Amino acid sequence: MFRLLIAPVALLAAVPAIAATNELQLVRAHLSAVDTMTADFAQTDRDGRTLTGVLTLKKPGKIRFQYEKGVPILIVGDGKSLWFLDYQVGQKQRWPVGDAPLGVLLDPSKDATRFAKVVPSATPGVIQVEAADPKHPEYGRITLVFTRTSGTPGGLQLQGWTALDGQNNRTIVRLSNQRFNAPVNENSFRFNDPKPGPQRR
């Protein structure tokens, strides 16, 4: 009798693990099928401030966050480095693309099934995947949100993400008007170095 009771429990416990593995494989297939993406974005920081703009992505390693008019900030990945540029104060910061949480989107060599896990979602059709490098917590972590959407690469569509940096500062990005695998101009990933004082972008 004890064995008859324990066997179904073990089977039920395995179901979520199998489902999570399958969902990770779906995410991996989606990321592999996306070479370029453009989208509108709304970015909300830890203080509740929201900025909008246009996101342009091209693998490997290229991304641009073009903020709304009047915002003197630009974020660009040129294939090797991710740059944060502040034209108001004339400063720039650089990170290797692989060190940024967004590396999961930008680097085709990264296997999401090896360093990511599915986070339970209460919304049907939504897959949440959390990615982080346990050896480098200073890189932060990112939780990507996908929806099952017919007609998109791999049957998924990236809706946005929540990023936590090494100091546990939270940034939420929501996407809309996503477009996949359309030609993207290489000039999108070039930028002028910021200099002190007014600077045109």
N, C-alpha and C. Protein backbone atom coordinates (compact mmCIF):
# COMPACT_ATOMS: atom_id res chain seq x y z
N MET A 1 0.84 -1.20 0.00
CA MET A 1 0.00 0.00 0.00
C MET A 1 0.87 1.25 0.00
N PHE A 2 1.95 1.23 0.83
CA PHE A 2 2.83 2.40 0.90
C PHE A 2 3.44 2.72 -0.46
N ARG A 3 3.86 1.66 -1.18
CA ARG A 3 4.45 1.89 -2.50
C ARG A 3 3.42 2.45 -3.46
N LEU A 4 2.19 1.99 -3.36
CA LEU A 4 1.16 2.47 -4.26
C LEU A 4 0.89 3.96 -4.03
N LEU A 5 1.03 4.40 -2.77
CA LEU A 5 0.80 5.80 -2.47
C LEU A 5 1.98 6.67 -2.89
N ILE A 6 3.19 6.18 -2.71
CA ILE A 6 4.36 7.00 -2.95
C ILE A 6 4.64 7.18 -4.44
N ALA A 7 4.31 6.21 -5.26
CA ALA A 7 4.62 6.29 -6.69
C ALA A 7 3.90 7.45 -7.37
N PRO A 8 2.57 7.61 -7.18
CA PRO A 8 1.91 8.76 -7.81
C PRO A 8 2.47 10.09 -7.33
N VAL A 9 2.85 10.19 -6.05
CA VAL A 9 3.41 11.43 -5.54
C VAL A 9 4.71 11.76 -6.26
N ALA A 10 5.54 10.76 -6.46
CA ALA A 10 6.80 10.98 -7.16
C ALA A 10 6.56 11.43 -8.59
N LEU A 11 5.57 10.82 -9.24
CA LEU A 11 5.25 11.21 -10.62
C LEU A 11 4.75 12.64 -10.68
N LEU A 12 3.90 13.02 -9.73
CA LEU A 12 3.38 14.39 -9.72
C LEU A 12 4.51 15.39 -9.48
N ALA A 13 5.46 15.04 -8.63
CA ALA A 13 6.57 15.94 -8.34
C ALA A 13 7.43 16.16 -9.58
N ALA A 14 7.49 15.15 -10.45
CA ALA A 14 8.32 15.25 -11.65
C ALA A 14 7.69 16.11 -12.72
N VAL A 15 6.37 16.28 -12.69
CA VAL A 15 5.68 17.02 -13.75
C VAL A 15 6.18 18.46 -13.86
N PRO A 16 6.25 19.25 -12.75
CA PRO A 16 6.75 20.61 -12.90
C PRO A 16 8.17 20.68 -13.45
N ALA A 17 9.04 19.76 -13.05
CA ALA A 17 10.40 19.76 -13.55
C ALA A 17 10.45 19.51 -15.05
N ILE A 18 9.61 18.56 -15.52
CA ILE A 18 9.56 18.28 -16.95
C ILE A 18 9.02 19.49 -17.70
N ALA A 19 7.98 20.11 -17.18
CA ALA A 19 7.39 21.28 -17.83
C ALA A 19 8.40 22.41 -17.90
N ALA A 20 9.16 22.63 -16.81
CA ALA A 20 10.15 23.70 -16.80
C ALA A 20 11.24 23.45 -17.83
N THR A 21 11.67 22.18 -17.95
CA THR A 21 12.68 21.84 -18.95
C THR A 21 12.17 22.12 -20.34
N ASN A 22 10.93 21.74 -20.61
CA ASN A 22 10.34 21.99 -21.93
C ASN A 22 10.25 23.47 -22.22
N GLU A 23 9.89 24.27 -21.21
CA GLU A 23 9.77 25.71 -21.42
C GLU A 23 11.14 26.34 -21.68
N LEU A 24 12.16 25.87 -20.99
CA LEU A 24 13.51 26.36 -21.26
C LEU A 24 13.94 26.04 -22.69
N GLN A 25 13.57 24.86 -23.15
CA GLN A 25 13.90 24.50 -24.52
C GLN A 25 13.18 25.40 -25.51
N LEU A 26 11.93 25.77 -25.21
CA LEU A 26 11.19 26.71 -26.06
C LEU A 26 11.90 28.06 -26.10
N VAL A 27 12.34 28.53 -24.94
CA VAL A 27 13.05 29.80 -24.90
C VAL A 27 14.34 29.72 -25.69
N ARG A 28 15.06 28.62 -25.53
CA ARG A 28 16.31 28.45 -26.28
C ARG A 28 16.04 28.46 -27.77
N ALA A 29 14.99 27.79 -28.21
CA ALA A 29 14.64 27.76 -29.63
C ALA A 29 14.28 29.16 -30.13
N HIS A 30 13.55 29.91 -29.31
CA HIS A 30 13.18 31.27 -29.69
C HIS A 30 14.41 32.15 -29.85
N LEU A 31 15.29 32.13 -28.84
CA LEU A 31 16.49 32.96 -28.89
C LEU A 31 17.37 32.60 -30.07
N SER A 32 17.44 31.31 -30.40
CA SER A 32 18.24 30.88 -31.54
C SER A 32 17.66 31.35 -32.86
N ALA A 33 16.35 31.52 -32.90
CA ALA A 33 15.67 31.88 -34.14
C ALA A 33 15.61 33.39 -34.37
N VAL A 34 15.98 34.18 -33.37
CA VAL A 34 15.93 35.64 -33.50
C VAL A 34 17.33 36.16 -33.82
N ASP A 35 17.48 36.75 -35.00
CA ASP A 35 18.73 37.40 -35.38
C ASP A 35 18.68 38.90 -35.14
N THR A 36 17.51 39.50 -35.39
CA THR A 36 17.33 40.93 -35.13
C THR A 36 15.97 41.14 -34.48
N MET A 37 15.85 42.24 -33.74
CA MET A 37 14.57 42.62 -33.17
C MET A 37 14.55 44.12 -32.96
N THR A 38 13.43 44.73 -33.26
CA THR A 38 13.20 46.13 -32.89
C THR A 38 11.90 46.19 -32.09
N ALA A 39 11.82 47.15 -31.20
CA ALA A 39 10.63 47.29 -30.35
C ALA A 39 10.63 48.66 -29.70
N ASP A 40 9.46 49.12 -29.32
CA ASP A 40 9.35 50.27 -28.44
C ASP A 40 9.53 49.78 -27.00
N PHE A 41 10.13 50.59 -26.16
CA PHE A 41 10.31 50.16 -24.77
C PHE A 41 9.90 51.26 -23.81
N ALA A 42 9.50 50.82 -22.61
CA ALA A 42 9.24 51.71 -21.48
C ALA A 42 10.06 51.17 -20.31
N GLN A 43 10.98 51.98 -19.81
CA GLN A 43 11.90 51.56 -18.76
C GLN A 43 11.57 52.28 -17.47
N THR A 44 11.34 51.51 -16.41
CA THR A 44 11.01 52.08 -15.10
C THR A 44 12.11 51.73 -14.11
N ASP A 45 12.66 52.76 -13.45
CA ASP A 45 13.76 52.51 -12.52
C ASP A 45 13.24 52.32 -11.10
N ARG A 46 14.16 52.17 -10.17
CA ARG A 46 13.79 51.87 -8.78
C ARG A 46 13.01 52.99 -8.12
N ASP A 47 13.14 54.23 -8.65
CA ASP A 47 12.42 55.37 -8.08
C ASP A 47 11.07 55.59 -8.74
N GLY A 48 10.70 54.70 -9.65
CA GLY A 48 9.40 54.81 -10.31
C GLY A 48 9.39 55.72 -11.52
N ARG A 49 10.53 56.23 -11.92
CA ARG A 49 10.60 57.07 -13.11
C ARG A 49 10.59 56.20 -14.36
N THR A 50 9.83 56.62 -15.37
CA THR A 50 9.71 55.85 -16.60
C THR A 50 10.21 56.66 -17.79
N LEU A 51 11.09 56.05 -18.57
CA LEU A 51 11.57 56.63 -19.82
C LEU A 51 11.17 55.71 -20.96
N THR A 52 10.91 56.28 -22.10
CA THR A 52 10.53 55.48 -23.26
C THR A 52 11.56 55.66 -24.38
N GLY A 53 11.46 54.79 -25.38
CA GLY A 53 12.38 54.88 -26.50
C GLY A 53 12.22 53.70 -27.44
N VAL A 54 13.25 53.49 -28.26
CA VAL A 54 13.23 52.43 -29.26
C VAL A 54 14.43 51.53 -29.04
N LEU A 55 14.18 50.23 -29.03
CA LEU A 55 15.21 49.21 -28.88
C LEU A 55 15.52 48.60 -30.24
N THR A 56 16.81 48.47 -30.55
CA THR A 56 17.26 47.79 -31.76
C THR A 56 18.28 46.74 -31.36
N LEU A 57 18.09 45.51 -31.79
CA LEU A 57 18.98 44.40 -31.41
C LEU A 57 19.42 43.65 -32.65
N LYS A 58 20.68 43.28 -32.67
CA LYS A 58 21.20 42.44 -33.75
C LYS A 58 22.30 41.55 -33.19
N LYS A 59 22.17 40.27 -33.40
CA LYS A 59 23.19 39.34 -32.92
C LYS A 59 24.33 39.27 -33.93
N PRO A 60 25.55 39.01 -33.41
CA PRO A 60 25.89 38.83 -31.99
C PRO A 60 26.30 40.14 -31.33
N GLY A 61 25.75 40.38 -30.15
CA GLY A 61 26.27 41.40 -29.26
C GLY A 61 25.90 42.83 -29.51
N LYS A 62 24.97 43.10 -30.43
CA LYS A 62 24.67 44.49 -30.76
C LYS A 62 23.27 44.87 -30.29
N ILE A 63 23.19 46.03 -29.61
CA ILE A 63 21.91 46.50 -29.11
C ILE A 63 21.99 48.02 -28.94
N ARG A 64 20.87 48.67 -29.09
CA ARG A 64 20.81 50.12 -28.89
C ARG A 64 19.51 50.48 -28.20
N PHE A 65 19.62 51.22 -27.11
CA PHE A 65 18.47 51.82 -26.44
C PHE A 65 18.49 53.31 -26.77
N GLN A 66 17.67 53.70 -27.74
CA GLN A 66 17.56 55.11 -28.12
C GLN A 66 16.42 55.72 -27.32
N TYR A 67 16.77 56.56 -26.35
CA TYR A 67 15.76 57.12 -25.46
C TYR A 67 15.01 58.27 -26.13
N GLU A 68 13.88 58.60 -25.53
CA GLU A 68 13.03 59.66 -26.04
C GLU A 68 13.79 60.98 -26.13
N LYS A 69 13.30 61.89 -26.97
CA LYS A 69 13.94 63.18 -27.18
C LYS A 69 14.07 63.92 -25.86
N GLY A 70 15.23 64.50 -25.65
CA GLY A 70 15.47 65.26 -24.43
C GLY A 70 16.20 64.49 -23.35
N VAL A 71 16.33 63.16 -23.52
CA VAL A 71 17.06 62.34 -22.54
C VAL A 71 18.49 62.19 -23.04
N PRO A 72 19.48 62.73 -22.33
CA PRO A 72 20.87 62.75 -22.82
C PRO A 72 21.64 61.46 -22.54
N ILE A 73 20.96 60.34 -22.61
CA ILE A 73 21.57 59.04 -22.29
C ILE A 73 21.42 58.11 -23.50
N LEU A 74 22.42 57.30 -23.71
CA LEU A 74 22.39 56.31 -24.78
C LEU A 74 23.06 55.04 -24.27
N ILE A 75 22.47 53.89 -24.57
CA ILE A 75 23.09 52.59 -24.26
C ILE A 75 23.27 51.85 -25.57
N VAL A 76 24.51 51.44 -25.85
CA VAL A 76 24.82 50.78 -27.12
C VAL A 76 25.73 49.59 -26.86
N GLY A 77 25.40 48.46 -27.48
CA GLY A 77 26.30 47.32 -27.55
C GLY A 77 26.83 47.23 -28.96
N ASP A 78 28.17 47.28 -29.12
CA ASP A 78 28.76 47.32 -30.46
C ASP A 78 29.25 45.97 -30.94
N GLY A 79 28.89 44.92 -30.23
CA GLY A 79 29.33 43.58 -30.61
C GLY A 79 30.31 42.98 -29.64
N LYS A 80 31.07 43.84 -28.97
CA LYS A 80 32.05 43.39 -27.98
C LYS A 80 31.77 43.97 -26.60
N SER A 81 31.37 45.23 -26.58
CA SER A 81 31.18 45.93 -25.31
C SER A 81 29.80 46.55 -25.25
N LEU A 82 29.32 46.70 -24.03
CA LEU A 82 28.08 47.43 -23.78
C LEU A 82 28.47 48.77 -23.17
N TRP A 83 28.04 49.86 -23.81
CA TRP A 83 28.43 51.20 -23.41
C TRP A 83 27.24 51.95 -22.82
N PHE A 84 27.47 52.62 -21.71
CA PHE A 84 26.50 53.55 -21.14
C PHE A 84 27.08 54.94 -21.32
N LEU A 85 26.37 55.80 -22.06
CA LEU A 85 26.87 57.12 -22.42
C LEU A 85 25.96 58.19 -21.86
N ASP A 86 26.54 59.12 -21.11
CA ASP A 86 25.79 60.23 -20.55
C ASP A 86 26.34 61.51 -21.17
N TYR A 87 25.58 62.08 -22.11
CA TYR A 87 26.06 63.25 -22.83
C TYR A 87 25.92 64.54 -22.02
N GLN A 88 25.14 64.49 -20.97
CA GLN A 88 24.98 65.68 -20.16
C GLN A 88 26.21 65.97 -19.32
N VAL A 89 26.79 64.92 -18.76
CA VAL A 89 27.98 65.11 -17.91
C VAL A 89 29.26 64.68 -18.62
N GLY A 90 29.13 64.17 -19.85
CA GLY A 90 30.32 63.80 -20.62
C GLY A 90 31.03 62.58 -20.11
N GLN A 91 30.27 61.54 -19.75
CA GLN A 91 30.87 60.32 -19.22
C GLN A 91 30.41 59.10 -19.99
N LYS A 92 31.24 58.06 -19.96
CA LYS A 92 30.85 56.78 -20.53
C LYS A 92 31.42 55.66 -19.68
N GLN A 93 30.67 54.56 -19.64
CA GLN A 93 31.10 53.36 -18.92
C GLN A 93 31.00 52.17 -19.87
N ARG A 94 31.86 51.19 -19.63
CA ARG A 94 31.94 50.04 -20.53
C ARG A 94 31.91 48.74 -19.75
N TRP A 95 31.17 47.76 -20.30
CA TRP A 95 31.17 46.40 -19.78
C TRP A 95 31.31 45.43 -20.95
N PRO A 96 32.05 44.34 -20.78
CA PRO A 96 32.00 43.28 -21.80
C PRO A 96 30.57 42.78 -21.96
N VAL A 97 30.14 42.55 -23.19
CA VAL A 97 28.77 42.11 -23.44
C VAL A 97 28.42 40.88 -22.62
N GLY A 98 29.36 39.95 -22.51
CA GLY A 98 29.09 38.71 -21.78
C GLY A 98 28.88 38.90 -20.30
N ASP A 99 29.34 40.04 -19.75
CA ASP A 99 29.19 40.29 -18.32
C ASP A 99 27.85 40.93 -17.97
N ALA A 100 27.14 41.42 -18.97
CA ALA A 100 25.87 42.10 -18.72
C ALA A 100 24.74 41.08 -18.64
N PRO A 101 23.74 41.34 -17.80
CA PRO A 101 22.60 40.42 -17.75
C PRO A 101 21.95 40.21 -19.12
N LEU A 102 21.98 41.24 -19.97
CA LEU A 102 21.38 41.11 -21.30
C LEU A 102 22.17 40.19 -22.22
N GLY A 103 23.30 39.68 -21.75
CA GLY A 103 24.09 38.76 -22.57
C GLY A 103 23.29 37.56 -23.05
N VAL A 104 22.29 37.16 -22.29
CA VAL A 104 21.47 36.03 -22.69
C VAL A 104 20.73 36.32 -23.99
N LEU A 105 20.42 37.59 -24.27
CA LEU A 105 19.76 37.96 -25.51
C LEU A 105 20.74 38.21 -26.64
N LEU A 106 21.96 38.61 -26.30
CA LEU A 106 22.89 39.11 -27.30
C LEU A 106 23.90 38.08 -27.78
N ASP A 107 24.18 37.09 -26.96
CA ASP A 107 25.26 36.15 -27.27
C ASP A 107 24.68 34.79 -27.67
N PRO A 108 24.72 34.43 -28.97
CA PRO A 108 24.15 33.16 -29.41
C PRO A 108 24.85 31.94 -28.81
N SER A 109 26.08 32.11 -28.33
CA SER A 109 26.81 30.97 -27.77
C SER A 109 26.35 30.62 -26.36
N LYS A 110 25.61 31.53 -25.72
CA LYS A 110 25.11 31.25 -24.38
C LYS A 110 23.93 30.28 -24.45
N ASP A 111 24.02 29.21 -23.74
CA ASP A 111 22.94 28.21 -23.68
C ASP A 111 22.10 28.49 -22.45
N ALA A 112 20.90 29.04 -22.68
CA ALA A 112 20.04 29.43 -21.56
C ALA A 112 19.70 28.26 -20.65
N THR A 113 19.70 27.05 -21.19
CA THR A 113 19.33 25.89 -20.38
C THR A 113 20.41 25.57 -19.34
N ARG A 114 21.60 26.16 -19.45
CA ARG A 114 22.69 25.83 -18.53
C ARG A 114 22.77 26.80 -17.35
N PHE A 115 22.31 28.04 -17.52
CA PHE A 115 22.46 29.00 -16.43
C PHE A 115 21.17 29.73 -16.11
N ALA A 116 20.06 29.24 -16.63
CA ALA A 116 18.77 29.89 -16.38
C ALA A 116 17.79 28.88 -15.79
N LYS A 117 16.74 29.43 -15.17
CA LYS A 117 15.69 28.57 -14.62
C LYS A 117 14.35 29.22 -14.86
N VAL A 118 13.31 28.40 -14.96
CA VAL A 118 11.96 28.90 -15.14
C VAL A 118 11.41 29.36 -13.80
N VAL A 119 10.83 30.55 -13.78
CA VAL A 119 10.18 31.10 -12.59
C VAL A 119 8.67 30.93 -12.77
N PRO A 120 7.99 30.32 -11.80
CA PRO A 120 6.55 30.09 -11.96
C PRO A 120 5.78 31.37 -12.26
N SER A 121 4.81 31.24 -13.15
CA SER A 121 3.95 32.38 -13.50
C SER A 121 2.50 31.98 -13.29
N ALA A 122 1.73 32.92 -12.74
CA ALA A 122 0.31 32.66 -12.51
C ALA A 122 -0.53 32.96 -13.74
N THR A 123 0.09 33.49 -14.78
CA THR A 123 -0.64 33.87 -15.99
C THR A 123 -0.47 32.80 -17.06
N PRO A 124 -1.55 32.22 -17.56
CA PRO A 124 -1.44 31.20 -18.61
C PRO A 124 -0.77 31.78 -19.85
N GLY A 125 0.08 30.97 -20.46
CA GLY A 125 0.74 31.40 -21.68
C GLY A 125 1.96 32.26 -21.47
N VAL A 126 2.33 32.51 -20.22
CA VAL A 126 3.50 33.33 -19.91
C VAL A 126 4.62 32.45 -19.37
N ILE A 127 5.81 32.64 -19.91
CA ILE A 127 7.00 31.92 -19.43
C ILE A 127 7.99 32.95 -18.90
N GLN A 128 8.39 32.77 -17.64
CA GLN A 128 9.38 33.65 -17.03
C GLN A 128 10.67 32.88 -16.79
N VAL A 129 11.78 33.44 -17.25
CA VAL A 129 13.07 32.76 -17.13
C VAL A 129 14.05 33.69 -16.44
N GLU A 130 14.64 33.21 -15.36
CA GLU A 130 15.62 33.99 -14.61
C GLU A 130 17.02 33.49 -14.95
N ALA A 131 17.89 34.42 -15.32
CA ALA A 131 19.25 34.06 -15.69
C ALA A 131 20.24 34.83 -14.82
N ALA A 132 21.29 34.14 -14.37
CA ALA A 132 22.34 34.75 -13.56
C ALA A 132 23.56 33.85 -13.59
N ASP A 133 24.72 34.44 -13.38
CA ASP A 133 25.96 33.69 -13.31
C ASP A 133 26.30 33.51 -11.83
N PRO A 134 26.15 32.29 -11.28
CA PRO A 134 26.41 32.10 -9.85
C PRO A 134 27.85 32.39 -9.46
N LYS A 135 28.77 32.33 -10.41
CA LYS A 135 30.17 32.63 -10.12
C LYS A 135 30.45 34.13 -10.08
N HIS A 136 29.52 34.92 -10.63
CA HIS A 136 29.72 36.36 -10.69
C HIS A 136 28.43 37.09 -10.31
N PRO A 137 28.08 37.09 -9.04
CA PRO A 137 26.84 37.77 -8.62
C PRO A 137 26.88 39.26 -8.89
N GLU A 138 28.09 39.83 -9.05
CA GLU A 138 28.20 41.27 -9.32
C GLU A 138 27.64 41.64 -10.69
N TYR A 139 27.47 40.64 -11.57
CA TYR A 139 26.89 40.90 -12.88
C TYR A 139 25.38 41.14 -12.79
N GLY A 140 24.78 40.76 -11.67
CA GLY A 140 23.34 40.92 -11.51
C GLY A 140 22.57 39.75 -12.09
N ARG A 141 21.26 39.92 -12.17
CA ARG A 141 20.41 38.87 -12.73
C ARG A 141 19.29 39.50 -13.52
N ILE A 142 18.72 38.72 -14.41
CA ILE A 142 17.65 39.23 -15.26
C ILE A 142 16.55 38.18 -15.34
N THR A 143 15.31 38.63 -15.28
CA THR A 143 14.16 37.75 -15.45
C THR A 143 13.44 38.17 -16.72
N LEU A 144 13.48 37.31 -17.73
CA LEU A 144 12.86 37.57 -19.02
C LEU A 144 11.43 37.06 -19.02
N VAL A 145 10.54 37.81 -19.63
CA VAL A 145 9.13 37.43 -19.69
C VAL A 145 8.74 37.22 -21.16
N PHE A 146 8.28 36.02 -21.46
CA PHE A 146 7.85 35.65 -22.80
C PHE A 146 6.37 35.28 -22.78
N THR A 147 5.71 35.49 -23.89
CA THR A 147 4.35 34.97 -24.07
C THR A 147 4.33 34.03 -25.25
N ARG A 148 3.50 33.02 -25.15
CA ARG A 148 3.31 32.11 -26.28
C ARG A 148 2.49 32.86 -27.34
N THR A 149 3.08 33.06 -28.51
CA THR A 149 2.46 33.86 -29.55
C THR A 149 2.67 33.18 -30.90
N SER A 150 1.60 32.85 -31.57
CA SER A 150 1.74 32.19 -32.87
C SER A 150 2.30 33.17 -33.89
N GLY A 151 3.08 32.63 -34.82
CA GLY A 151 3.64 33.45 -35.89
C GLY A 151 4.93 34.16 -35.53
N THR A 152 5.45 33.92 -34.34
CA THR A 152 6.71 34.53 -33.92
C THR A 152 7.79 33.45 -33.87
N PRO A 153 9.08 33.83 -33.89
CA PRO A 153 10.15 32.83 -33.85
C PRO A 153 10.04 31.91 -32.65
N GLY A 154 9.97 30.62 -32.91
CA GLY A 154 9.85 29.66 -31.83
C GLY A 154 8.53 29.68 -31.10
N GLY A 155 7.56 30.45 -31.61
CA GLY A 155 6.26 30.53 -30.96
C GLY A 155 6.23 31.34 -29.69
N LEU A 156 7.28 32.15 -29.46
CA LEU A 156 7.34 33.00 -28.27
C LEU A 156 7.59 34.45 -28.67
N GLN A 157 7.22 35.35 -27.78
CA GLN A 157 7.51 36.77 -27.98
C GLN A 157 8.00 37.36 -26.67
N LEU A 158 9.14 38.03 -26.73
CA LEU A 158 9.69 38.67 -25.54
C LEU A 158 8.87 39.92 -25.21
N GLN A 159 8.33 39.95 -24.00
CA GLN A 159 7.51 41.08 -23.57
C GLN A 159 8.28 42.08 -22.72
N GLY A 160 9.46 41.68 -22.25
CA GLY A 160 10.27 42.58 -21.43
C GLY A 160 11.06 41.81 -20.40
N TRP A 161 11.60 42.53 -19.43
CA TRP A 161 12.41 41.89 -18.40
C TRP A 161 12.52 42.78 -17.17
N THR A 162 12.93 42.13 -16.08
CA THR A 162 13.29 42.83 -14.86
C THR A 162 14.75 42.52 -14.57
N ALA A 163 15.56 43.56 -14.41
CA ALA A 163 16.98 43.38 -14.14
C ALA A 163 17.32 43.87 -12.75
N LEU A 164 18.16 43.11 -12.05
CA LEU A 164 18.71 43.51 -10.74
C LEU A 164 20.21 43.59 -10.89
N ASP A 165 20.79 44.76 -10.56
CA ASP A 165 22.23 44.87 -10.66
C ASP A 165 22.90 44.33 -9.40
N GLY A 166 24.22 44.46 -9.33
CA GLY A 166 24.95 43.92 -8.20
C GLY A 166 24.60 44.56 -6.87
N GLN A 167 24.01 45.77 -6.93
CA GLN A 167 23.59 46.46 -5.70
C GLN A 167 22.10 46.27 -5.43
N ASN A 168 21.49 45.36 -6.17
CA ASN A 168 20.07 45.01 -6.00
C ASN A 168 19.13 46.14 -6.42
N ASN A 169 19.59 47.00 -7.34
CA ASN A 169 18.73 48.03 -7.91
C ASN A 169 17.91 47.42 -9.03
N ARG A 170 16.61 47.67 -9.01
CA ARG A 170 15.69 47.03 -9.95
C ARG A 170 15.31 47.97 -11.09
N THR A 171 15.36 47.44 -12.31
CA THR A 171 14.91 48.16 -13.50
C THR A 171 13.96 47.24 -14.26
N ILE A 172 12.79 47.77 -14.63
CA ILE A 172 11.79 47.00 -15.37
C ILE A 172 11.66 47.57 -16.77
N VAL A 173 11.73 46.71 -17.77
CA VAL A 173 11.59 47.12 -19.17
C VAL A 173 10.42 46.37 -19.78
N ARG A 174 9.50 47.12 -20.36
CA ARG A 174 8.35 46.53 -21.06
C ARG A 174 8.44 46.87 -22.54
N LEU A 175 8.18 45.88 -23.38
CA LEU A 175 8.30 46.05 -24.82
C LEU A 175 6.93 46.05 -25.49
N SER A 176 6.86 46.73 -26.63
CA SER A 176 5.66 46.71 -27.46
C SER A 176 6.09 46.89 -28.92
N ASN A 177 5.17 46.56 -29.85
CA ASN A 177 5.46 46.68 -31.29
C ASN A 177 6.73 45.92 -31.69
N GLN A 178 6.88 44.70 -31.15
CA GLN A 178 8.05 43.90 -31.47
C GLN A 178 8.04 43.48 -32.94
N ARG A 179 9.21 43.55 -33.56
CA ARG A 179 9.38 43.12 -34.95
C ARG A 179 10.66 42.28 -35.02
N PHE A 180 10.56 41.12 -35.63
CA PHE A 180 11.67 40.17 -35.62
C PHE A 180 12.26 39.97 -37.02
N ASN A 181 13.60 39.82 -37.03
CA ASN A 181 14.37 39.37 -38.20
C ASN A 181 14.18 40.24 -39.44
N ALA A 182 13.96 41.53 -39.23
CA ALA A 182 13.97 42.49 -40.34
C ALA A 182 15.39 43.06 -40.45
N PRO A 183 15.79 43.54 -41.64
CA PRO A 183 17.13 44.11 -41.78
C PRO A 183 17.35 45.28 -40.82
N VAL A 184 18.55 45.33 -40.24
CA VAL A 184 18.92 46.40 -39.31
C VAL A 184 20.22 47.02 -39.80
N ASN A 185 20.25 48.34 -39.89
CA ASN A 185 21.43 49.07 -40.35
C ASN A 185 22.54 49.03 -39.30
N GLU A 186 23.76 48.73 -39.73
CA GLU A 186 24.89 48.67 -38.80
C GLU A 186 25.15 50.02 -38.14
N ASN A 187 24.75 51.11 -38.78
CA ASN A 187 24.95 52.43 -38.18
C ASN A 187 24.19 52.60 -36.87
N SER A 188 23.21 51.72 -36.65
CA SER A 188 22.44 51.81 -35.41
C SER A 188 23.30 51.59 -34.17
N PHE A 189 24.47 50.97 -34.34
CA PHE A 189 25.28 50.59 -33.19
C PHE A 189 26.57 51.41 -33.10
N ARG A 190 26.57 52.54 -33.78
CA ARG A 190 27.68 53.47 -33.67
C ARG A 190 27.25 54.65 -32.80
N PHE A 191 28.23 55.33 -32.24
CA PHE A 191 27.91 56.45 -31.36
C PHE A 191 29.08 57.41 -31.30
N ASN A 192 28.79 58.64 -30.89
CA ASN A 192 29.81 59.65 -30.65
C ASN A 192 30.19 59.63 -29.18
N ASP A 193 31.49 59.79 -28.93
CA ASP A 193 31.92 59.86 -27.54
C ASP A 193 31.33 61.10 -26.88
N PRO A 194 30.84 60.97 -25.66
CA PRO A 194 30.31 62.14 -24.96
C PRO A 194 31.44 63.07 -24.52
N LYS A 195 31.15 64.35 -24.54
CA LYS A 195 32.11 65.37 -24.09
C LYS A 195 31.40 66.30 -23.11
N PRO A 196 32.14 66.89 -22.20
CA PRO A 196 31.50 67.82 -21.26
C PRO A 196 30.78 68.94 -22.00
N GLY A 197 29.60 69.31 -21.49
CA GLY A 197 28.82 70.36 -22.12
C GLY A 197 27.84 69.80 -23.10
N PRO A 198 27.08 70.65 -23.81
CA PRO A 198 26.06 70.19 -24.78
C PRO A 198 26.68 69.36 -25.87
N GLN A 199 26.01 68.27 -26.23
CA GLN A 199 26.52 67.35 -27.24
C GLN A 199 25.35 66.80 -28.03
N ARG A 200 25.42 66.89 -29.33
CA ARG A 200 24.37 66.34 -30.17
C ARG A 200 24.59 64.86 -30.35
N ARG A 201 23.47 64.08 -30.40
CA ARG A 201 23.56 62.64 -30.61
C ARG A 201 23.24 62.34 -32.05
